[in-house]
Amino acid sequence: MELQGSIKKIKDTETFASGFQKREFILLTQEQYPQPVSIEVMGSKIDILDPFKEGDNVNVGINIQGREWVSPQGETKYFNSIVAWKIQKLP
């Protein structure tokens, strides 16, 4: 799946105790009603954001990932993440 838009915000890299890293950016879609979409880059792909800056128009290859979590009280919750695997600059 792909999304197109302009990079509105690039956040700093987060590093967790396990050594896992992720970085988040906000993509403002280009449609009648633009949407600010939060997208993550994780692990070995974290450097794909380095050549880009806020305001760049890009095409982003994404995967949608879901996960289940059970609270200590036994309540099941579901979470979704949008994860980028490639980013290409548009003219």
N, C-alpha and C. Protein backbone atom coordinates (compact mmCIF):
# COMPACT_ATOMS: atom_id res chain seq x y z
N MET A 1 0.85 -1.16 0.00
CA MET A 1 0.00 0.00 0.00
C MET A 1 0.90 1.23 0.00
N GLU A 2 0.42 2.31 -0.60
CA GLU A 2 1.22 3.53 -0.66
C GLU A 2 0.38 4.74 -0.29
N LEU A 3 1.03 5.74 0.28
CA LEU A 3 0.42 7.03 0.58
C LEU A 3 1.28 8.12 -0.03
N GLN A 4 0.65 9.20 -0.48
CA GLN A 4 1.39 10.35 -0.98
C GLN A 4 1.01 11.57 -0.17
N GLY A 5 1.97 12.46 0.00
CA GLY A 5 1.71 13.70 0.71
C GLY A 5 3.00 14.43 1.00
N SER A 6 2.90 15.42 1.87
CA SER A 6 4.08 16.17 2.26
C SER A 6 4.41 15.86 3.72
N ILE A 7 5.70 15.85 4.01
CA ILE A 7 6.15 15.58 5.37
C ILE A 7 5.90 16.82 6.22
N LYS A 8 5.03 16.68 7.20
CA LYS A 8 4.68 17.81 8.06
C LYS A 8 5.64 17.92 9.24
N LYS A 9 6.03 16.78 9.80
CA LYS A 9 6.89 16.76 10.99
C LYS A 9 7.70 15.48 11.01
N ILE A 10 8.99 15.59 11.36
CA ILE A 10 9.84 14.42 11.57
C ILE A 10 10.29 14.47 13.03
N LYS A 11 9.97 13.42 13.76
CA LYS A 11 10.32 13.36 15.18
C LYS A 11 11.68 12.70 15.37
N ASP A 12 12.24 12.87 16.55
CA ASP A 12 13.52 12.28 16.89
C ASP A 12 13.40 10.76 17.05
N THR A 13 14.52 10.08 16.88
CA THR A 13 14.57 8.63 17.07
C THR A 13 14.37 8.30 18.55
N GLU A 14 13.56 7.28 18.81
CA GLU A 14 13.37 6.77 20.17
C GLU A 14 14.12 5.45 20.28
N THR A 15 14.91 5.30 21.34
CA THR A 15 15.63 4.05 21.60
C THR A 15 15.14 3.50 22.93
N PHE A 16 14.77 2.22 22.91
CA PHE A 16 14.21 1.57 24.09
C PHE A 16 15.28 0.72 24.77
N ALA A 17 15.02 0.31 26.01
CA ALA A 17 15.99 -0.45 26.81
C ALA A 17 16.46 -1.71 26.09
N SER A 18 15.61 -2.30 25.28
CA SER A 18 15.97 -3.52 24.55
C SER A 18 16.92 -3.25 23.39
N GLY A 19 17.12 -1.95 23.06
CA GLY A 19 17.94 -1.58 21.91
C GLY A 19 17.11 -1.30 20.67
N PHE A 20 15.82 -1.63 20.72
CA PHE A 20 14.91 -1.38 19.60
C PHE A 20 14.77 0.12 19.37
N GLN A 21 14.76 0.53 18.10
CA GLN A 21 14.62 1.94 17.76
C GLN A 21 13.44 2.15 16.83
N LYS A 22 12.80 3.30 16.99
CA LYS A 22 11.76 3.70 16.04
C LYS A 22 11.78 5.21 15.89
N ARG A 23 11.25 5.65 14.77
CA ARG A 23 11.19 7.07 14.47
C ARG A 23 9.83 7.32 13.84
N GLU A 24 9.22 8.41 14.16
CA GLU A 24 7.88 8.72 13.67
C GLU A 24 7.91 9.99 12.83
N PHE A 25 7.09 10.01 11.78
CA PHE A 25 6.89 11.25 11.04
C PHE A 25 5.41 11.40 10.72
N ILE A 26 5.02 12.64 10.45
CA ILE A 26 3.63 12.95 10.14
C ILE A 26 3.57 13.30 8.65
N LEU A 27 2.72 12.57 7.93
CA LEU A 27 2.52 12.80 6.51
C LEU A 27 1.17 13.49 6.34
N LEU A 28 1.14 14.63 5.67
CA LEU A 28 -0.10 15.33 5.37
C LEU A 28 -0.53 14.90 3.97
N THR A 29 -1.62 14.14 3.89
CA THR A 29 -2.06 13.60 2.60
C THR A 29 -2.51 14.72 1.68
N GLN A 30 -2.48 14.43 0.39
CA GLN A 30 -2.87 15.41 -0.62
C GLN A 30 -4.18 14.95 -1.25
N GLU A 31 -5.27 15.40 -0.67
CA GLU A 31 -6.60 15.06 -1.16
C GLU A 31 -7.54 16.20 -0.81
N GLN A 32 -8.81 16.07 -1.13
CA GLN A 32 -9.76 17.15 -0.87
C GLN A 32 -9.75 17.56 0.61
N TYR A 33 -9.70 16.58 1.49
CA TYR A 33 -9.63 16.84 2.93
C TYR A 33 -8.33 16.23 3.45
N PRO A 34 -7.20 16.98 3.40
CA PRO A 34 -5.91 16.43 3.81
C PRO A 34 -5.95 15.89 5.24
N GLN A 35 -5.28 14.75 5.43
CA GLN A 35 -5.25 14.09 6.73
C GLN A 35 -3.81 14.00 7.24
N PRO A 36 -3.56 14.38 8.51
CA PRO A 36 -2.23 14.17 9.08
C PRO A 36 -2.14 12.73 9.59
N VAL A 37 -1.28 11.93 8.95
CA VAL A 37 -1.16 10.51 9.27
C VAL A 37 0.18 10.26 9.96
N SER A 38 0.15 9.65 11.13
CA SER A 38 1.36 9.29 11.85
C SER A 38 1.89 7.98 11.31
N ILE A 39 3.17 7.98 10.87
CA ILE A 39 3.80 6.81 10.28
C ILE A 39 5.10 6.53 11.03
N GLU A 40 5.36 5.25 11.30
CA GLU A 40 6.58 4.86 12.01
C GLU A 40 7.57 4.21 11.06
N VAL A 41 8.85 4.39 11.38
CA VAL A 41 9.94 3.68 10.72
C VAL A 41 10.67 2.95 11.85
N MET A 42 10.93 1.65 11.66
CA MET A 42 11.48 0.86 12.76
C MET A 42 12.72 0.08 12.37
N GLY A 43 13.51 -0.24 13.40
CA GLY A 43 14.64 -1.15 13.25
C GLY A 43 15.63 -0.74 12.18
N SER A 44 15.94 -1.66 11.29
CA SER A 44 16.97 -1.42 10.27
C SER A 44 16.55 -0.40 9.23
N LYS A 45 15.29 -0.05 9.17
CA LYS A 45 14.78 0.92 8.19
C LYS A 45 14.81 2.35 8.70
N ILE A 46 15.27 2.56 9.92
CA ILE A 46 15.18 3.87 10.56
C ILE A 46 15.90 4.97 9.78
N ASP A 47 16.96 4.61 9.06
CA ASP A 47 17.75 5.61 8.32
C ASP A 47 17.10 6.08 7.03
N ILE A 48 16.01 5.44 6.59
CA ILE A 48 15.41 5.87 5.32
C ILE A 48 14.83 7.28 5.40
N LEU A 49 14.64 7.81 6.59
CA LEU A 49 14.14 9.18 6.75
C LEU A 49 15.24 10.24 6.63
N ASP A 50 16.50 9.83 6.77
CA ASP A 50 17.61 10.79 6.83
C ASP A 50 17.68 11.78 5.66
N PRO A 51 17.45 11.35 4.41
CA PRO A 51 17.57 12.31 3.30
C PRO A 51 16.42 13.31 3.18
N PHE A 52 15.39 13.17 4.00
CA PHE A 52 14.19 13.98 3.84
C PHE A 52 14.09 15.06 4.90
N LYS A 53 13.33 16.11 4.54
CA LYS A 53 13.10 17.20 5.48
C LYS A 53 11.61 17.57 5.47
N GLU A 54 11.20 18.28 6.47
CA GLU A 54 9.81 18.72 6.55
C GLU A 54 9.49 19.57 5.33
N GLY A 55 8.33 19.32 4.73
CA GLY A 55 7.90 20.04 3.53
C GLY A 55 8.11 19.24 2.25
N ASP A 56 8.95 18.20 2.29
CA ASP A 56 9.18 17.37 1.09
C ASP A 56 7.90 16.63 0.71
N ASN A 57 7.63 16.57 -0.60
CA ASN A 57 6.54 15.76 -1.13
C ASN A 57 7.07 14.37 -1.40
N VAL A 58 6.39 13.36 -0.87
CA VAL A 58 6.90 11.99 -0.93
C VAL A 58 5.80 10.98 -1.24
N ASN A 59 6.25 9.83 -1.69
CA ASN A 59 5.42 8.64 -1.84
C ASN A 59 5.97 7.63 -0.83
N VAL A 60 5.11 7.10 0.03
CA VAL A 60 5.55 6.23 1.12
C VAL A 60 4.92 4.84 0.96
N GLY A 61 5.77 3.82 0.90
CA GLY A 61 5.30 2.43 0.93
C GLY A 61 5.06 2.04 2.37
N ILE A 62 3.86 1.55 2.68
CA ILE A 62 3.50 1.26 4.08
C ILE A 62 2.93 -0.14 4.25
N ASN A 63 3.01 -0.62 5.47
CA ASN A 63 2.29 -1.80 5.94
C ASN A 63 1.47 -1.38 7.14
N ILE A 64 0.32 -1.97 7.30
CA ILE A 64 -0.51 -1.73 8.48
C ILE A 64 -0.34 -2.95 9.39
N GLN A 65 0.06 -2.69 10.62
CA GLN A 65 0.29 -3.78 11.58
C GLN A 65 -0.67 -3.63 12.75
N GLY A 66 -1.18 -4.74 13.22
CA GLY A 66 -2.07 -4.75 14.37
C GLY A 66 -1.53 -5.65 15.46
N ARG A 67 -1.91 -5.35 16.69
CA ARG A 67 -1.48 -6.20 17.80
C ARG A 67 -2.56 -6.20 18.88
N GLU A 68 -2.55 -7.27 19.63
CA GLU A 68 -3.50 -7.46 20.72
C GLU A 68 -2.77 -7.35 22.05
N TRP A 69 -3.40 -6.73 23.03
CA TRP A 69 -2.82 -6.60 24.35
C TRP A 69 -3.90 -6.90 25.39
N VAL A 70 -3.55 -7.69 26.37
CA VAL A 70 -4.48 -8.01 27.46
C VAL A 70 -3.98 -7.31 28.72
N SER A 71 -4.84 -6.47 29.28
CA SER A 71 -4.48 -5.71 30.49
C SER A 71 -4.42 -6.64 31.70
N PRO A 72 -3.79 -6.18 32.79
CA PRO A 72 -3.76 -6.99 34.02
C PRO A 72 -5.17 -7.33 34.53
N GLN A 73 -6.16 -6.52 34.14
CA GLN A 73 -7.54 -6.77 34.56
C GLN A 73 -8.25 -7.75 33.62
N GLY A 74 -7.53 -8.22 32.59
CA GLY A 74 -8.10 -9.19 31.66
C GLY A 74 -8.83 -8.59 30.47
N GLU A 75 -8.79 -7.26 30.33
CA GLU A 75 -9.45 -6.59 29.21
C GLU A 75 -8.54 -6.65 27.98
N THR A 76 -9.09 -7.06 26.86
CA THR A 76 -8.33 -7.15 25.61
C THR A 76 -8.50 -5.87 24.81
N LYS A 77 -7.37 -5.30 24.38
CA LYS A 77 -7.38 -4.09 23.55
C LYS A 77 -6.59 -4.38 22.29
N TYR A 78 -6.91 -3.64 21.25
CA TYR A 78 -6.24 -3.79 19.95
C TYR A 78 -5.65 -2.46 19.52
N PHE A 79 -4.44 -2.52 18.93
CA PHE A 79 -3.73 -1.34 18.49
C PHE A 79 -3.27 -1.53 17.05
N ASN A 80 -3.20 -0.44 16.30
CA ASN A 80 -2.72 -0.47 14.92
C ASN A 80 -1.55 0.47 14.76
N SER A 81 -0.64 0.11 13.87
CA SER A 81 0.49 0.97 13.52
C SER A 81 0.60 1.01 12.00
N ILE A 82 0.98 2.17 11.49
CA ILE A 82 1.29 2.31 10.07
C ILE A 82 2.81 2.41 10.00
N VAL A 83 3.43 1.46 9.30
CA VAL A 83 4.88 1.35 9.28
C VAL A 83 5.40 1.52 7.86
N ALA A 84 6.33 2.47 7.67
CA ALA A 84 6.92 2.72 6.35
C ALA A 84 8.06 1.74 6.08
N TRP A 85 8.17 1.30 4.84
CA TRP A 85 9.29 0.45 4.44
C TRP A 85 10.07 1.07 3.29
N LYS A 86 9.51 2.11 2.63
CA LYS A 86 10.26 2.88 1.63
C LYS A 86 9.66 4.26 1.52
N ILE A 87 10.51 5.21 1.16
CA ILE A 87 10.08 6.58 0.95
C ILE A 87 10.78 7.10 -0.30
N GLN A 88 10.00 7.69 -1.21
CA GLN A 88 10.57 8.25 -2.43
C GLN A 88 10.14 9.71 -2.55
N LYS A 89 11.09 10.57 -2.89
CA LYS A 89 10.78 11.98 -3.06
C LYS A 89 10.04 12.19 -4.38
N LEU A 90 9.01 13.03 -4.35
CA LEU A 90 8.26 13.37 -5.55
C LEU A 90 8.69 14.75 -6.04
N PRO A 91 8.56 14.98 -7.33
CA PRO A 91 8.93 16.32 -7.87
C PRO A 91 8.03 17.41 -7.35
